[in-house]
Amino acid sequence: MEDIFVARLMSSDVYTVGPDTLVEDAATAMLERDIGSVVVVNESNRICGILTGTDFVKIVSERKPKDQTPVSRYMTEDVVTGSAQDTIHEMAELMTDHGFQHVPIVDETEGVIGMLSTTDLTAYLSRQDRPTGLATGGEE
């Protein structure tokens, strides 16, 4: 299998929020868009954090969210990112090693430019040529 770059697989329509966005609003946006995370950025589109579905499990388990709770209270701040020039093998290894389902893709000048998810990697792998000579459906 050829090694391709992240730019070919990443989703470029990343939903971003500011650090003061309410967790309730972030949750609503995630549900409406059927996405698993929102990237938290500052005014310059520089990444400050990420809020994922896993973070919402923590929010619910703590039973502390109240109206007017900003995402900055629950977001992960030390965000591991990738670049559009990383290979998918590098990113797959990074995601596996850290247990990530989403990795924001950033550019030094533009800030956040995309998101790579395990769904993106799975979709890519499912389209690759399958090895020949494999039996299908029990037939030889």
N, C-alpha and C. Protein backbone atom coordinates (compact mmCIF):
# COMPACT_ATOMS: atom_id res chain seq x y z
N MET A 1 0.85 -1.18 0.00
CA MET A 1 0.00 0.00 0.00
C MET A 1 0.89 1.23 0.00
N GLU A 2 0.56 2.16 -0.87
CA GLU A 2 1.35 3.38 -0.94
C GLU A 2 1.09 4.25 0.28
N ASP A 3 2.08 5.03 0.64
CA ASP A 3 1.92 5.95 1.76
C ASP A 3 1.51 7.31 1.21
N ILE A 4 0.35 7.78 1.62
CA ILE A 4 -0.14 9.06 1.13
C ILE A 4 -0.08 10.09 2.25
N PHE A 5 -0.29 11.33 1.89
CA PHE A 5 -0.22 12.40 2.87
C PHE A 5 -1.59 12.69 3.46
N VAL A 6 -1.57 13.18 4.67
CA VAL A 6 -2.77 13.51 5.42
C VAL A 6 -3.69 14.44 4.65
N ALA A 7 -3.14 15.34 3.87
CA ALA A 7 -3.95 16.32 3.13
C ALA A 7 -5.00 15.64 2.25
N ARG A 8 -4.74 14.43 1.79
CA ARG A 8 -5.71 13.73 0.93
C ARG A 8 -6.87 13.14 1.71
N LEU A 9 -6.70 12.92 3.01
CA LEU A 9 -7.74 12.24 3.80
C LEU A 9 -8.46 13.15 4.78
N MET A 10 -7.81 14.19 5.21
CA MET A 10 -8.38 15.01 6.29
C MET A 10 -9.67 15.70 5.85
N SER A 11 -10.51 15.95 6.82
CA SER A 11 -11.71 16.76 6.59
C SER A 11 -11.29 18.21 6.72
N SER A 12 -11.62 19.01 5.74
CA SER A 12 -11.20 20.42 5.81
C SER A 12 -12.29 21.32 6.36
N ASP A 13 -13.47 20.78 6.57
CA ASP A 13 -14.56 21.57 7.14
C ASP A 13 -14.62 21.37 8.65
N VAL A 14 -13.57 21.82 9.33
CA VAL A 14 -13.46 21.68 10.78
C VAL A 14 -14.37 22.68 11.46
N TYR A 15 -15.13 22.21 12.44
CA TYR A 15 -15.98 23.12 13.20
C TYR A 15 -15.16 23.62 14.38
N THR A 16 -15.01 24.93 14.46
CA THR A 16 -14.22 25.52 15.54
C THR A 16 -15.11 26.38 16.42
N VAL A 17 -14.68 26.52 17.67
CA VAL A 17 -15.37 27.38 18.64
C VAL A 17 -14.31 28.18 19.38
N GLY A 18 -14.73 29.23 20.04
CA GLY A 18 -13.83 30.00 20.89
C GLY A 18 -13.82 29.42 22.29
N PRO A 19 -12.83 29.78 23.10
CA PRO A 19 -12.72 29.25 24.46
C PRO A 19 -13.91 29.60 25.35
N ASP A 20 -14.64 30.66 25.01
CA ASP A 20 -15.78 31.07 25.82
C ASP A 20 -17.11 30.48 25.36
N THR A 21 -17.08 29.66 24.31
CA THR A 21 -18.29 29.00 23.85
C THR A 21 -18.82 28.10 24.96
N LEU A 22 -20.11 28.09 25.16
CA LEU A 22 -20.71 27.26 26.21
C LEU A 22 -20.68 25.79 25.80
N VAL A 23 -20.45 24.91 26.78
CA VAL A 23 -20.42 23.47 26.47
C VAL A 23 -21.74 23.02 25.88
N GLU A 24 -22.83 23.60 26.32
CA GLU A 24 -24.13 23.25 25.77
C GLU A 24 -24.21 23.57 24.29
N ASP A 25 -23.65 24.72 23.90
CA ASP A 25 -23.65 25.11 22.49
C ASP A 25 -22.73 24.21 21.66
N ALA A 26 -21.60 23.84 22.24
CA ALA A 26 -20.67 22.94 21.55
C ALA A 26 -21.32 21.57 21.35
N ALA A 27 -22.01 21.08 22.37
CA ALA A 27 -22.69 19.78 22.27
C ALA A 27 -23.77 19.82 21.18
N THR A 28 -24.53 20.89 21.16
CA THR A 28 -25.58 21.03 20.14
C THR A 28 -24.97 21.04 18.74
N ALA A 29 -23.89 21.78 18.56
CA ALA A 29 -23.23 21.84 17.25
C ALA A 29 -22.72 20.47 16.84
N MET A 30 -22.14 19.73 17.78
CA MET A 30 -21.62 18.41 17.47
C MET A 30 -22.74 17.47 17.04
N LEU A 31 -23.87 17.52 17.74
CA LEU A 31 -25.00 16.67 17.39
C LEU A 31 -25.59 17.06 16.04
N GLU A 32 -25.78 18.34 15.82
CA GLU A 32 -26.37 18.81 14.55
C GLU A 32 -25.49 18.47 13.35
N ARG A 33 -24.18 18.49 13.53
CA ARG A 33 -23.25 18.24 12.42
C ARG A 33 -22.76 16.80 12.37
N ASP A 34 -23.19 16.00 13.37
CA ASP A 34 -22.76 14.60 13.47
C ASP A 34 -21.24 14.49 13.45
N ILE A 35 -20.61 15.27 14.33
CA ILE A 35 -19.15 15.26 14.45
C ILE A 35 -18.76 14.86 15.87
N GLY A 36 -17.56 14.36 16.02
CA GLY A 36 -17.11 13.86 17.31
C GLY A 36 -16.25 14.80 18.12
N SER A 37 -15.97 16.00 17.56
CA SER A 37 -15.15 16.94 18.30
C SER A 37 -15.30 18.34 17.73
N VAL A 38 -14.93 19.30 18.56
CA VAL A 38 -14.79 20.68 18.09
C VAL A 38 -13.40 21.15 18.48
N VAL A 39 -12.79 21.93 17.60
CA VAL A 39 -11.47 22.47 17.88
C VAL A 39 -11.66 23.87 18.46
N VAL A 40 -10.97 24.14 19.56
CA VAL A 40 -11.07 25.44 20.22
C VAL A 40 -9.90 26.29 19.73
N VAL A 41 -10.25 27.46 19.15
CA VAL A 41 -9.23 28.34 18.58
C VAL A 41 -9.38 29.75 19.14
N ASN A 42 -8.28 30.49 19.06
CA ASN A 42 -8.33 31.90 19.45
C ASN A 42 -8.70 32.75 18.24
N GLU A 43 -8.63 34.07 18.41
CA GLU A 43 -9.02 35.00 17.34
C GLU A 43 -8.18 34.83 16.08
N SER A 44 -6.96 34.32 16.20
CA SER A 44 -6.06 34.15 15.06
C SER A 44 -6.13 32.76 14.45
N ASN A 45 -7.16 31.98 14.82
CA ASN A 45 -7.33 30.61 14.35
C ASN A 45 -6.21 29.69 14.84
N ARG A 46 -5.57 30.05 15.93
CA ARG A 46 -4.54 29.20 16.55
C ARG A 46 -5.21 28.29 17.56
N ILE A 47 -4.81 27.05 17.54
CA ILE A 47 -5.45 26.05 18.38
C ILE A 47 -5.15 26.28 19.87
N CYS A 48 -6.19 26.25 20.68
CA CYS A 48 -6.05 26.36 22.14
C CYS A 48 -6.40 25.04 22.81
N GLY A 49 -7.23 24.25 22.13
CA GLY A 49 -7.67 23.00 22.74
C GLY A 49 -8.59 22.24 21.81
N ILE A 50 -9.08 21.11 22.32
CA ILE A 50 -10.04 20.30 21.59
C ILE A 50 -11.03 19.75 22.61
N LEU A 51 -12.28 19.68 22.23
CA LEU A 51 -13.33 19.12 23.07
C LEU A 51 -13.95 17.98 22.28
N THR A 52 -13.93 16.78 22.84
CA THR A 52 -14.39 15.58 22.13
C THR A 52 -15.57 14.95 22.85
N GLY A 53 -16.15 13.98 22.20
CA GLY A 53 -17.23 13.21 22.82
C GLY A 53 -16.78 12.59 24.13
N THR A 54 -15.53 12.18 24.21
CA THR A 54 -14.99 11.62 25.44
C THR A 54 -15.02 12.65 26.56
N ASP A 55 -14.74 13.91 26.23
CA ASP A 55 -14.81 14.96 27.24
C ASP A 55 -16.23 15.13 27.76
N PHE A 56 -17.22 14.92 26.90
CA PHE A 56 -18.60 15.05 27.35
C PHE A 56 -18.99 13.93 28.31
N VAL A 57 -18.37 12.78 28.18
CA VAL A 57 -18.59 11.71 29.16
C VAL A 57 -18.12 12.20 30.53
N LYS A 58 -16.98 12.85 30.57
CA LYS A 58 -16.45 13.41 31.82
C LYS A 58 -17.39 14.49 32.36
N ILE A 59 -17.87 15.35 31.47
CA ILE A 59 -18.76 16.43 31.89
C ILE A 59 -20.02 15.85 32.54
N VAL A 60 -20.61 14.86 31.89
CA VAL A 60 -21.84 14.27 32.42
C VAL A 60 -21.56 13.52 33.72
N SER A 61 -20.44 12.79 33.78
CA SER A 61 -20.14 12.03 34.98
C SER A 61 -19.88 12.92 36.19
N GLU A 62 -19.34 14.08 35.96
CA GLU A 62 -19.09 15.01 37.06
C GLU A 62 -20.37 15.75 37.47
N ARG A 63 -21.36 15.76 36.59
CA ARG A 63 -22.63 16.43 36.85
C ARG A 63 -22.46 17.86 37.30
N LYS A 64 -21.45 18.51 36.78
CA LYS A 64 -21.19 19.89 37.17
C LYS A 64 -21.55 20.91 36.11
N PRO A 65 -21.81 20.50 34.89
CA PRO A 65 -22.07 21.56 33.92
C PRO A 65 -23.33 22.34 34.28
N LYS A 66 -23.22 23.58 34.20
CA LYS A 66 -24.33 24.49 34.44
C LYS A 66 -24.45 25.37 33.21
N ASP A 67 -25.55 26.05 33.09
CA ASP A 67 -25.63 27.03 32.02
C ASP A 67 -24.47 27.99 32.19
N GLN A 68 -23.94 28.44 31.09
CA GLN A 68 -22.84 29.40 31.08
C GLN A 68 -21.48 28.77 31.41
N THR A 69 -21.31 27.47 31.19
CA THR A 69 -20.02 26.82 31.38
C THR A 69 -19.24 26.87 30.07
N PRO A 70 -18.07 27.54 30.04
CA PRO A 70 -17.30 27.63 28.78
C PRO A 70 -16.56 26.33 28.48
N VAL A 71 -16.33 26.08 27.19
CA VAL A 71 -15.60 24.87 26.80
C VAL A 71 -14.18 24.86 27.36
N SER A 72 -13.63 26.03 27.63
CA SER A 72 -12.26 26.08 28.15
C SER A 72 -12.13 25.34 29.48
N ARG A 73 -13.22 25.15 30.17
CA ARG A 73 -13.17 24.42 31.44
C ARG A 73 -12.91 22.93 31.24
N TYR A 74 -13.34 22.38 30.13
CA TYR A 74 -13.25 20.94 29.91
C TYR A 74 -12.36 20.52 28.75
N MET A 75 -11.94 21.44 27.92
CA MET A 75 -11.16 21.08 26.73
C MET A 75 -9.78 20.53 27.11
N THR A 76 -9.23 19.72 26.25
CA THR A 76 -7.86 19.27 26.38
C THR A 76 -6.98 20.37 25.81
N GLU A 77 -6.02 20.83 26.61
CA GLU A 77 -5.20 21.96 26.18
C GLU A 77 -3.92 21.55 25.46
N ASP A 78 -3.29 20.48 25.87
CA ASP A 78 -2.05 20.04 25.22
C ASP A 78 -2.43 19.19 24.01
N VAL A 79 -2.83 19.84 22.95
CA VAL A 79 -3.35 19.14 21.78
C VAL A 79 -2.20 18.68 20.89
N VAL A 80 -2.21 17.41 20.58
CA VAL A 80 -1.26 16.86 19.62
C VAL A 80 -1.86 17.10 18.24
N THR A 81 -1.09 17.69 17.35
CA THR A 81 -1.58 18.03 16.02
C THR A 81 -0.72 17.36 14.96
N GLY A 82 -1.21 17.42 13.75
CA GLY A 82 -0.45 16.92 12.61
C GLY A 82 -0.40 18.00 11.54
N SER A 83 0.34 17.70 10.47
CA SER A 83 0.40 18.64 9.35
C SER A 83 -0.09 17.91 8.10
N ALA A 84 -0.47 18.68 7.10
CA ALA A 84 -0.97 18.12 5.86
C ALA A 84 0.10 17.30 5.15
N GLN A 85 1.37 17.51 5.48
CA GLN A 85 2.45 16.77 4.84
C GLN A 85 2.85 15.49 5.59
N ASP A 86 2.24 15.23 6.74
CA ASP A 86 2.50 13.97 7.44
C ASP A 86 1.92 12.83 6.61
N THR A 87 2.51 11.65 6.73
CA THR A 87 1.96 10.49 6.03
C THR A 87 0.85 9.87 6.89
N ILE A 88 -0.03 9.13 6.22
CA ILE A 88 -1.10 8.50 6.99
C ILE A 88 -0.54 7.43 7.92
N HIS A 89 0.56 6.80 7.54
CA HIS A 89 1.16 5.80 8.43
C HIS A 89 1.67 6.47 9.71
N GLU A 90 2.30 7.63 9.58
CA GLU A 90 2.76 8.36 10.77
C GLU A 90 1.57 8.74 11.65
N MET A 91 0.51 9.22 11.02
CA MET A 91 -0.66 9.66 11.79
C MET A 91 -1.39 8.48 12.41
N ALA A 92 -1.49 7.38 11.70
CA ALA A 92 -2.14 6.19 12.25
C ALA A 92 -1.39 5.69 13.48
N GLU A 93 -0.07 5.70 13.38
CA GLU A 93 0.75 5.28 14.52
C GLU A 93 0.56 6.23 15.70
N LEU A 94 0.56 7.53 15.45
CA LEU A 94 0.35 8.52 16.49
C LEU A 94 -1.01 8.33 17.16
N MET A 95 -2.04 8.14 16.35
CA MET A 95 -3.38 7.98 16.90
C MET A 95 -3.50 6.70 17.71
N THR A 96 -2.88 5.63 17.23
CA THR A 96 -2.91 4.36 17.96
C THR A 96 -2.14 4.47 19.27
N ASP A 97 -0.95 5.05 19.21
CA ASP A 97 -0.11 5.18 20.41
C ASP A 97 -0.79 5.98 21.51
N HIS A 98 -1.54 7.01 21.13
CA HIS A 98 -2.17 7.90 22.11
C HIS A 98 -3.64 7.60 22.35
N GLY A 99 -4.23 6.71 21.57
CA GLY A 99 -5.65 6.40 21.71
C GLY A 99 -6.55 7.53 21.22
N PHE A 100 -6.08 8.30 20.25
CA PHE A 100 -6.85 9.42 19.71
C PHE A 100 -7.82 8.93 18.63
N GLN A 101 -8.97 9.60 18.57
CA GLN A 101 -9.90 9.36 17.48
C GLN A 101 -9.91 10.53 16.51
N HIS A 102 -9.37 11.67 16.95
CA HIS A 102 -9.32 12.89 16.12
C HIS A 102 -7.98 13.57 16.32
N VAL A 103 -7.39 14.06 15.23
CA VAL A 103 -6.17 14.85 15.32
C VAL A 103 -6.36 16.09 14.44
N PRO A 104 -6.31 17.28 15.06
CA PRO A 104 -6.39 18.50 14.26
C PRO A 104 -5.16 18.64 13.37
N ILE A 105 -5.37 19.11 12.15
CA ILE A 105 -4.29 19.33 11.20
C ILE A 105 -4.08 20.84 11.11
N VAL A 106 -2.84 21.26 11.33
CA VAL A 106 -2.55 22.69 11.39
C VAL A 106 -1.47 23.08 10.38
N ASP A 107 -1.49 24.35 10.04
CA ASP A 107 -0.51 24.95 9.16
C ASP A 107 0.09 26.12 9.92
N GLU A 108 1.41 26.33 9.79
CA GLU A 108 2.08 27.40 10.54
C GLU A 108 1.49 28.78 10.27
N THR A 109 1.09 29.04 9.05
CA THR A 109 0.57 30.38 8.74
C THR A 109 -0.94 30.47 8.85
N GLU A 110 -1.67 29.40 8.49
CA GLU A 110 -3.13 29.46 8.48
C GLU A 110 -3.79 28.98 9.76
N GLY A 111 -3.05 28.33 10.63
CA GLY A 111 -3.66 27.77 11.84
C GLY A 111 -4.33 26.44 11.53
N VAL A 112 -5.52 26.21 12.07
CA VAL A 112 -6.23 24.96 11.87
C VAL A 112 -6.76 24.90 10.44
N ILE A 113 -6.40 23.81 9.73
CA ILE A 113 -6.84 23.66 8.35
C ILE A 113 -7.63 22.38 8.11
N GLY A 114 -7.67 21.49 9.08
CA GLY A 114 -8.39 20.24 8.87
C GLY A 114 -8.42 19.38 10.10
N MET A 115 -9.04 18.20 9.94
CA MET A 115 -9.15 17.22 11.02
C MET A 115 -8.99 15.85 10.39
N LEU A 116 -8.20 15.00 11.03
CA LEU A 116 -8.06 13.62 10.60
C LEU A 116 -8.68 12.75 11.68
N SER A 117 -9.58 11.87 11.28
CA SER A 117 -10.24 11.01 12.25
C SER A 117 -9.98 9.54 11.92
N THR A 118 -10.27 8.69 12.88
CA THR A 118 -10.16 7.26 12.62
C THR A 118 -11.13 6.85 11.52
N THR A 119 -12.24 7.55 11.40
CA THR A 119 -13.19 7.28 10.31
C THR A 119 -12.55 7.55 8.96
N ASP A 120 -11.78 8.64 8.85
CA ASP A 120 -11.07 8.95 7.60
C ASP A 120 -10.10 7.84 7.24
N LEU A 121 -9.36 7.36 8.24
CA LEU A 121 -8.38 6.29 7.98
C LEU A 121 -9.08 5.00 7.60
N THR A 122 -10.17 4.67 8.28
CA THR A 122 -10.91 3.45 7.97
C THR A 122 -11.49 3.50 6.56
N ALA A 123 -12.05 4.65 6.19
CA ALA A 123 -12.61 4.80 4.85
C ALA A 123 -11.53 4.61 3.79
N TYR A 124 -10.36 5.17 4.02
CA TYR A 124 -9.25 5.02 3.08
C TYR A 124 -8.87 3.54 2.94
N LEU A 125 -8.69 2.88 4.05
CA LEU A 125 -8.28 1.48 4.02
C LEU A 125 -9.32 0.59 3.35
N SER A 126 -10.60 0.91 3.55
CA SER A 126 -11.65 0.08 2.95
C SER A 126 -11.69 0.20 1.43
N ARG A 127 -11.14 1.28 0.89
CA ARG A 127 -11.13 1.48 -0.57
C ARG A 127 -9.88 0.89 -1.23
N GLN A 128 -8.91 0.49 -0.46
CA GLN A 128 -7.67 -0.04 -1.03
C GLN A 128 -7.91 -1.41 -1.66
N ASP A 129 -7.10 -1.75 -2.65
CA ASP A 129 -7.20 -3.06 -3.29
C ASP A 129 -6.98 -4.14 -2.26
N ARG A 130 -7.82 -5.14 -2.33
CA ARG A 130 -7.68 -6.28 -1.43
C ARG A 130 -6.71 -7.27 -2.06
N PRO A 131 -5.97 -8.00 -1.25
CA PRO A 131 -5.05 -9.00 -1.80
C PRO A 131 -5.80 -10.03 -2.66
N THR A 132 -5.19 -10.45 -3.74
CA THR A 132 -5.81 -11.46 -4.60
C THR A 132 -5.62 -12.82 -3.98
N GLY A 133 -6.49 -13.75 -4.38
CA GLY A 133 -6.35 -15.11 -3.91
C GLY A 133 -7.08 -15.39 -2.60
N LEU A 134 -7.77 -14.40 -2.05
CA LEU A 134 -8.51 -14.64 -0.83
C LEU A 134 -9.87 -15.24 -1.18
N ALA A 135 -10.28 -16.22 -0.43
CA ALA A 135 -11.59 -16.82 -0.63
C ALA A 135 -12.66 -15.86 -0.13
N THR A 136 -13.77 -15.81 -0.83
CA THR A 136 -14.87 -14.95 -0.39
C THR A 136 -16.10 -15.80 -0.19
N GLY A 137 -16.76 -15.56 0.90
CA GLY A 137 -18.02 -16.26 1.17
C GLY A 137 -17.86 -17.77 1.23
N GLY A 138 -16.68 -18.25 1.61
CA GLY A 138 -16.47 -19.68 1.76
C GLY A 138 -16.19 -20.39 0.44
N GLU A 139 -16.17 -19.67 -0.67
CA GLU A 139 -15.90 -20.30 -1.97
C GLU A 139 -14.44 -20.17 -2.32
N GLU A 140 -13.90 -21.13 -2.98
CA GLU A 140 -12.51 -21.11 -3.40
C GLU A 140 -12.43 -20.76 -4.85
